[in-house]
Amino acid sequence: MTAVGCLLGYAAVLTFAAPAVLTRLTRGGASPRLGVALWLSTIGLAVAAWLAAGVGIAAAFVMGHGPAPARFCLHLLVAVHHLGPVGDLALAGGLGAAAVASMVVLRRTAGTVRRFWSRSVEHAGAARILGAPTTPHPGVVVLPAPRAAAYCVAGRPDAIVVTSAAVDVLPGPQLAAVVAHERAHLAARHPQLMMVLRALAAAMPRLPLFGAAVRAVAPLVEMCADDEATRRCGRDAVLSSLVTLARPARPPASGAMGSGMGVADVAVTSRAWRLAAGVDAAERLRQQVALLAAFTVIVCLPGALTFVCHP
């Protein structure tokens, strides 16, 4: 197998097999920051491997190294190449189709991110216009709504929105914990991160890596924000605010919660159990070791494959 064949196999493993392993390794959230880093590294390396393999195959055709294109491909491509000019034409057509498909995916992803960002900026601006500013919490606005909720929206500038119902039911320490949670999201750029992941999943719905990343990273970033709020306000305040905001209530009017990250919108049960029980130090260490081992394998494997598969 050639270097390009190895890259194709590596990219396929990351795209189709890795999601199940990563989901199992990162669930529970003993080390959510490291879990997010592992998912993002896997996505970056998978995309880079697909692109590198495509460039390698295209370069072989352009440089005209005789039978080299066949050695760069898997056995199916070898068979097609041996068909002669017709086979080479089919391979060239396949490369062209792959290039067009890549451009379509790139354009679709970029367009989806732009739409998400435009809606988020519009939402943040509308919240600042319609909401009442709060003196104790700069950058936080209160919107009249019958449902107790809080969320953040990335924009120019960002906005943290708390409904009037939430202000009524949350005492001072709990409200401060909610604000700290949302500030943690904005400081780490979690809304922008989720925009990109959702855009990738929408652009490539048949590739399981991207959809699995959205489902796994969403609760992990919530746990990251929970941890930061806990450091600032205490675990009891964060847990009680999460439970209060998760209580059933009438839905918000006209989809007002459409584009933000809400403190009690994702993985409420698992986050509440995690906050109530705390994260055992030994369990955190075990997960960190497992995640670092997986990270090392994923990062180092391309170099090892290049060495082994070099013609």
Protein backbone atom coordinates (compact mmCIF):
# COMPACT_ATOMS: atom_id res chain seq x y z
CA MET A 1 0.00 0.00 0.00
CA THR A 2 1.32 3.47 -0.90
CA ALA A 3 1.52 6.61 1.22
CA VAL A 4 -1.66 7.98 -0.35
CA GLY A 5 -3.42 4.68 0.22
CA CYS A 6 -2.38 4.83 3.87
CA LEU A 7 -3.72 8.38 4.14
CA LEU A 8 -7.02 7.32 2.63
CA GLY A 9 -7.29 4.44 5.09
CA TYR A 10 -6.34 6.71 8.01
CA ALA A 11 -8.94 9.31 7.00
CA ALA A 12 -11.61 6.62 6.62
CA VAL A 13 -10.86 5.20 10.07
CA LEU A 14 -11.11 8.64 11.68
CA THR A 15 -14.31 9.45 9.82
CA PHE A 16 -16.23 6.19 10.22
CA ALA A 17 -14.71 4.25 13.13
CA ALA A 18 -13.39 6.90 15.51
CA PRO A 19 -16.76 8.50 16.47
CA ALA A 20 -17.91 5.47 18.46
CA VAL A 21 -14.58 5.26 20.31
CA LEU A 22 -14.42 8.99 21.03
CA THR A 23 -18.02 9.05 22.24
CA ARG A 24 -17.25 6.27 24.70
CA LEU A 25 -14.04 7.94 25.89
CA THR A 26 -15.48 11.42 26.41
CA ARG A 27 -18.92 10.66 27.85
CA GLY A 28 -19.37 11.42 31.52
CA GLY A 29 -17.35 14.61 31.29
CA ALA A 30 -14.65 13.83 33.85
CA SER A 31 -12.30 15.96 31.73
CA PRO A 32 -14.49 17.96 29.35
CA ARG A 33 -11.83 20.38 28.05
CA LEU A 34 -9.56 17.54 27.01
CA GLY A 35 -12.54 15.77 25.47
CA VAL A 36 -13.36 18.79 23.31
CA ALA A 37 -9.70 19.06 22.25
CA LEU A 38 -9.67 15.39 21.24
CA TRP A 39 -12.80 15.76 19.09
CA LEU A 40 -11.46 18.88 17.37
CA SER A 41 -8.07 17.27 16.74
CA THR A 42 -9.73 14.25 15.18
CA ILE A 43 -11.83 16.41 12.87
CA GLY A 44 -8.83 18.50 11.83
CA LEU A 45 -6.66 15.47 11.11
CA ALA A 46 -9.44 13.68 9.21
CA VAL A 47 -10.03 16.68 6.95
CA ALA A 48 -6.27 17.17 6.45
CA ALA A 49 -5.80 13.48 5.57
CA TRP A 50 -8.59 13.52 2.98
CA LEU A 51 -7.17 16.67 1.40
CA ALA A 52 -3.59 15.40 1.43
CA ALA A 53 -4.61 12.13 -0.21
CA GLY A 54 -6.57 13.99 -2.89
CA VAL A 55 -3.66 16.33 -3.59
CA GLY A 56 -1.27 13.37 -3.81
CA ILE A 57 -3.42 11.55 -6.35
CA ALA A 58 -3.93 14.69 -8.42
CA ALA A 59 -0.20 15.51 -8.34
CA ALA A 60 0.66 12.05 -9.68
CA PHE A 61 -1.58 12.60 -12.69
CA VAL A 62 -0.27 16.10 -13.32
CA MET A 63 3.40 15.11 -13.06
CA GLY A 64 2.87 12.08 -15.33
CA HIS A 65 4.98 9.47 -13.53
CA GLY A 66 3.99 6.61 -15.82
CA PRO A 67 2.29 3.89 -13.78
CA ALA A 68 2.72 5.89 -10.55
CA PRO A 69 -0.94 6.94 -10.39
CA ALA A 70 -1.92 3.30 -10.11
CA ARG A 71 0.55 2.77 -7.24
CA PHE A 72 -0.98 5.74 -5.42
CA CYS A 73 -4.46 4.29 -5.44
CA LEU A 74 -6.17 1.25 -4.08
CA HIS A 75 -6.59 -1.94 -6.12
CA LEU A 76 -9.79 -0.71 -7.70
CA LEU A 77 -8.01 2.32 -9.14
CA VAL A 78 -5.21 0.06 -10.37
CA ALA A 79 -7.71 -2.03 -12.29
CA VAL A 80 -9.31 1.05 -13.82
CA HIS A 81 -5.91 2.42 -14.82
CA HIS A 82 -5.03 -0.80 -16.65
CA LEU A 83 -8.03 -0.30 -18.92
CA GLY A 84 -5.90 2.12 -20.89
CA PRO A 85 -6.98 5.59 -22.10
CA VAL A 86 -10.58 4.90 -21.17
CA GLY A 87 -9.54 4.00 -17.63
CA ASP A 88 -7.33 7.07 -17.34
CA LEU A 89 -10.21 9.22 -18.58
CA ALA A 90 -12.47 7.65 -15.95
CA LEU A 91 -9.89 8.34 -13.25
CA ALA A 92 -9.52 11.93 -14.41
CA GLY A 93 -13.31 12.29 -14.36
CA GLY A 94 -13.40 10.88 -10.85
CA LEU A 95 -10.75 13.35 -9.71
CA GLY A 96 -12.68 16.19 -11.29
CA ALA A 97 -15.87 15.07 -9.61
CA ALA A 98 -14.05 14.83 -6.27
CA ALA A 99 -12.68 18.35 -6.72
CA VAL A 100 -16.13 19.70 -7.56
CA ALA A 101 -17.66 17.88 -4.59
CA SER A 102 -14.98 19.32 -2.31
CA MET A 103 -15.71 22.85 -3.53
CA VAL A 104 -19.45 22.29 -3.05
CA VAL A 105 -18.90 21.06 0.52
CA LEU A 106 -16.58 23.97 1.29
CA ARG A 107 -19.01 26.49 -0.14
CA ARG A 108 -21.97 24.92 1.66
CA THR A 109 -20.09 24.88 4.98
CA ALA A 110 -18.96 28.49 4.62
CA GLY A 111 -22.45 29.59 3.62
CA THR A 112 -24.02 27.82 6.59
CA VAL A 113 -21.52 29.40 9.00
CA ARG A 114 -22.27 32.84 7.52
CA ARG A 115 -26.01 32.29 7.97
CA PHE A 116 -25.55 31.12 11.55
CA TRP A 117 -23.31 34.10 12.33
CA SER A 118 -25.68 36.58 10.69
CA ARG A 119 -28.63 35.24 12.69
CA SER A 120 -26.59 35.29 15.88
CA VAL A 121 -25.49 38.90 15.36
CA GLU A 122 -29.07 39.90 14.57
CA HIS A 123 -30.35 38.05 17.65
CA ALA A 124 -27.76 39.70 19.92
CA GLY A 125 -28.61 43.14 18.54
CA ALA A 126 -32.33 42.60 18.94
CA ALA A 127 -31.85 41.38 22.51
CA ARG A 128 -29.89 44.50 23.40
CA ILE A 129 -32.56 46.72 21.86
CA LEU A 130 -35.56 44.94 23.39
CA GLY A 131 -34.03 43.91 26.71
CA ALA A 132 -33.44 45.99 29.81
CA PRO A 133 -29.79 46.28 30.92
CA THR A 134 -28.88 45.10 34.40
CA THR A 135 -26.70 47.23 36.65
CA PRO A 136 -25.14 44.41 38.73
CA HIS A 137 -24.23 42.38 35.63
CA PRO A 138 -22.82 44.46 32.74
CA GLY A 139 -23.60 43.02 29.32
CA VAL A 140 -26.64 41.13 30.62
CA VAL A 141 -30.11 42.10 29.41
CA VAL A 142 -33.49 41.03 30.75
CA LEU A 143 -36.24 40.13 28.30
CA PRO A 144 -39.89 39.78 29.38
CA ALA A 145 -40.91 36.13 28.96
CA PRO A 146 -43.05 33.64 30.90
CA ARG A 147 -40.36 30.95 30.88
CA ALA A 148 -37.36 31.03 33.22
CA ALA A 149 -34.35 30.81 30.91
CA ALA A 150 -30.90 32.23 30.29
CA TYR A 151 -28.62 31.99 27.29
CA CYS A 152 -25.78 33.75 25.50
CA VAL A 153 -25.56 34.89 21.89
CA ALA A 154 -22.38 35.71 20.00
CA GLY A 155 -22.56 39.02 18.17
CA ARG A 156 -21.09 42.51 17.87
CA PRO A 157 -21.03 42.78 20.83
CA ASP A 158 -22.05 39.53 22.48
CA ALA A 159 -25.17 39.38 24.63
CA ILE A 160 -26.24 37.41 27.68
CA VAL A 161 -30.03 37.18 27.92
CA VAL A 162 -31.98 36.37 31.06
CA THR A 163 -35.75 36.26 30.98
CA SER A 164 -37.84 38.17 33.51
CA ALA A 165 -39.21 34.86 34.79
CA ALA A 166 -35.67 33.70 35.53
CA VAL A 167 -34.92 36.88 37.45
CA ASP A 168 -38.07 36.27 39.52
CA VAL A 169 -37.18 32.69 40.49
CA LEU A 170 -33.39 32.90 40.84
CA PRO A 171 -31.97 34.44 44.02
CA GLY A 172 -28.79 36.50 43.80
CA PRO A 173 -26.19 33.70 44.08
CA GLN A 174 -27.98 31.51 41.54
CA LEU A 175 -28.37 34.38 39.09
CA ALA A 176 -24.66 35.15 39.45
CA ALA A 177 -23.88 31.48 38.71
CA VAL A 178 -26.02 31.59 35.58
CA VAL A 179 -24.25 34.74 34.37
CA ALA A 180 -20.84 33.18 35.10
CA HIS A 181 -21.85 30.10 33.10
CA GLU A 182 -22.81 32.19 30.07
CA ARG A 183 -19.70 34.37 30.35
CA ALA A 184 -17.61 31.20 30.28
CA HIS A 185 -19.29 30.20 27.00
CA LEU A 186 -18.54 33.55 25.41
CA ALA A 187 -14.95 33.71 26.70
CA ALA A 188 -14.19 30.27 25.23
CA ARG A 189 -16.08 31.07 21.97
CA HIS A 190 -18.32 28.06 22.40
CA PRO A 191 -21.15 29.55 20.29
CA GLN A 192 -18.79 30.03 17.33
CA LEU A 193 -17.38 26.53 17.79
CA MET A 194 -20.83 24.96 17.71
CA MET A 195 -21.73 27.00 14.61
CA VAL A 196 -18.78 25.50 12.73
CA LEU A 197 -19.46 21.94 13.92
CA ARG A 198 -23.15 22.17 13.00
CA ALA A 199 -22.25 23.61 9.60
CA LEU A 200 -19.85 20.71 8.92
CA ALA A 201 -22.49 18.19 9.97
CA ALA A 202 -25.08 19.84 7.72
CA ALA A 203 -22.68 19.95 4.76
CA MET A 204 -21.60 16.28 5.14
CA PRO A 205 -24.56 14.47 6.72
CA ARG A 206 -23.43 11.02 5.53
CA LEU A 207 -20.07 11.21 7.30
CA PRO A 208 -20.64 10.11 10.91
CA LEU A 209 -17.68 11.96 12.43
CA PHE A 210 -19.27 15.39 12.11
CA GLY A 211 -22.74 14.56 13.38
CA ALA A 212 -21.25 12.62 16.30
CA ALA A 213 -19.01 15.59 17.12
CA VAL A 214 -22.02 17.90 17.42
CA ARG A 215 -23.80 15.48 19.74
CA ALA A 216 -20.73 14.88 21.91
CA VAL A 217 -19.20 18.35 22.04
CA ALA A 218 -22.45 20.17 22.92
CA PRO A 219 -22.69 18.64 26.43
CA LEU A 220 -18.92 18.85 26.90
CA VAL A 221 -18.84 22.63 26.40
CA GLU A 222 -21.76 22.93 28.81
CA MET A 223 -19.74 21.01 31.38
CA CYS A 224 -16.75 23.28 30.73
CA ALA A 225 -18.96 26.30 31.46
CA ASP A 226 -20.38 24.54 34.54
CA ASP A 227 -16.84 24.02 35.86
CA GLU A 228 -15.88 27.66 35.32
CA ALA A 229 -19.08 28.88 36.99
CA THR A 230 -18.43 26.48 39.89
CA ARG A 231 -14.96 27.93 40.39
CA ARG A 232 -16.42 31.42 40.55
CA CYS A 233 -19.71 30.90 42.39
CA GLY A 234 -19.64 27.50 44.04
CA ARG A 235 -21.12 24.14 43.10
CA ASP A 236 -24.35 24.56 45.07
CA ALA A 237 -25.28 27.78 43.27
CA VAL A 238 -24.59 26.28 39.84
CA LEU A 239 -26.51 23.08 40.58
CA SER A 240 -29.53 24.84 42.07
CA SER A 241 -29.70 27.31 39.17
CA LEU A 242 -29.53 24.45 36.65
CA VAL A 243 -32.34 22.58 38.39
CA THR A 244 -34.47 25.73 38.66
CA LEU A 245 -34.13 26.62 34.99
CA ALA A 246 -34.78 23.03 33.91
CA ARG A 247 -38.23 22.90 35.49
CA PRO A 248 -41.07 22.55 32.97
CA ALA A 249 -42.75 25.79 31.99
CA ARG A 250 -44.67 27.33 29.15
CA PRO A 251 -42.61 27.54 25.94
CA PRO A 252 -41.11 30.90 24.97
CA ALA A 253 -43.04 33.04 22.55
CA SER A 254 -42.22 33.03 18.82
CA GLY A 255 -39.03 31.00 19.08
CA ALA A 256 -37.15 33.63 21.04
CA MET A 257 -34.58 31.07 22.16
CA GLY A 258 -33.57 30.07 18.65
CA SER A 259 -29.88 30.92 18.29
CA GLY A 260 -28.35 30.99 21.75
CA MET A 261 -26.64 28.57 24.12
CA GLY A 262 -28.90 28.06 27.13
CA VAL A 263 -27.69 27.09 30.56
CA ALA A 264 -30.36 24.37 30.92
CA ASP A 265 -30.89 23.30 27.31
CA VAL A 266 -28.33 20.48 26.87
CA ALA A 267 -27.69 17.26 28.84
CA VAL A 268 -29.41 18.59 31.96
CA THR A 269 -29.67 15.25 33.77
CA SER A 270 -26.05 14.18 33.27
CA ARG A 271 -24.78 17.66 34.17
CA ALA A 272 -26.91 17.76 37.32
CA TRP A 273 -25.66 14.34 38.43
CA ARG A 274 -22.09 15.40 37.68
CA LEU A 275 -22.45 18.56 39.76
CA ALA A 276 -24.25 16.80 42.60
CA ALA A 277 -21.79 13.91 42.93
CA GLY A 278 -18.69 15.82 41.95
CA VAL A 279 -15.96 14.38 39.74
CA ASP A 280 -13.85 11.77 41.50
CA ALA A 281 -10.14 12.60 41.26
CA ALA A 282 -9.25 9.02 40.33
CA GLU A 283 -11.92 8.93 37.61
CA ARG A 284 -10.69 12.25 36.24
CA LEU A 285 -7.13 10.93 36.13
CA ARG A 286 -8.23 7.73 34.38
CA GLN A 287 -10.12 9.66 31.73
CA GLN A 288 -7.28 12.11 31.23
CA VAL A 289 -4.82 9.25 30.71
CA ALA A 290 -7.20 7.56 28.25
CA LEU A 291 -7.82 10.79 26.33
CA LEU A 292 -4.13 11.65 26.18
CA ALA A 293 -3.34 8.14 24.95
CA ALA A 294 -5.99 8.43 22.24
CA PHE A 295 -4.71 11.89 21.32
CA THR A 296 -1.15 10.56 21.01
CA VAL A 297 -2.23 7.69 18.79
CA ILE A 298 -4.29 9.93 16.52
CA VAL A 299 -1.56 12.56 16.17
CA CYS A 300 1.39 10.19 15.74
CA LEU A 301 -0.25 7.62 13.46
CA PRO A 302 0.07 9.68 10.24
CA GLY A 303 3.85 9.95 10.72
CA ALA A 304 4.13 6.23 11.39
CA LEU A 305 2.02 5.40 8.34
CA THR A 306 4.11 7.71 6.16
CA PHE A 307 7.29 5.93 7.28
CA VAL A 308 5.84 2.45 6.77
CA CYS A 309 4.05 3.18 3.50
CA HIS A 310 6.74 5.28 1.83
CA PRO A 311 7.49 3.65 -1.54
